Amino acid sequence: MLVVVKFSFGPLETNTICIGCSLMKKAVVIDPAQGSLQAVLANAREQEFVIEKIFLTHSHWDHFADAYELKSKTGASLYVHPLDAKNLEHPGSDGIPLLIPVHPVTPDHFLSEGDLLEVGALQFEVIHSPGHSPGGVCFYSCKERLLISGDTLFRGSIGNLQLPTANAEEMWRSLAKLSKLPSETRVIPGHGGETSIGKEPWLSRARQIFSE
């Protein structure tokens, strides 16, 4: 029932993740990066999926650069945490320089900790994971043992804490929260290759490791 396709696009090689329900032929696109539009639409045609939703793990420009076009082409609803919403309508207002022109886009729904989002027959829980950005979130499917971690957790590393939007104390709390997920949970991050919670045993000790 679960279909996951990952693309890497844009100057920062940002992961755009397409998740579909083969049972109901419904799909979500998570973090549509610059240049991802045609690949995302082609994948939906090939799978015969209808893209109904766009989820953002956070609002740094490289994670939503194609959101306006994708929303316009598909009519999909755009979801983001309210603490990251301003940068969608005013790209660059978060203080991070834009490497490319980014079209403003208006969110349709605001995400909160514990929200349950449906993609066809699939269900994802919102985990608020600030640290890299105030409104950073992860999307977790307990049934599928899948976590979309954005720029909170990478394979062997964490999101940049030197940016204007970053807060180290919040990051340590967010990583500690993720450390409690089942070890077999598959993790697809915002950049780079996949990992699993079990392959990142340092999560609960992140403060000590990354503060040195």
Foldseek 3Di string as FASTA:
>chain_A
DWDWDWAFDDPQRWIWIWIADLVQQFIEIEQQFPPCQVVNVVVSVVSVHQYAAYEYQAVQCRRCQCVVVNCVVRVHAYEFAPQRQVCLQVPCPLVDDDPDDGHRDHHDYHDDAQDWDDGPPFIWGWHQQAFLARGGIWTAGLVVLEIEREQLDDQVDHHDQPGSRGDHVSSLVRLLVVLPRDQQRWYDYGHDDIDGSVNCNCSNVCCVVVVD
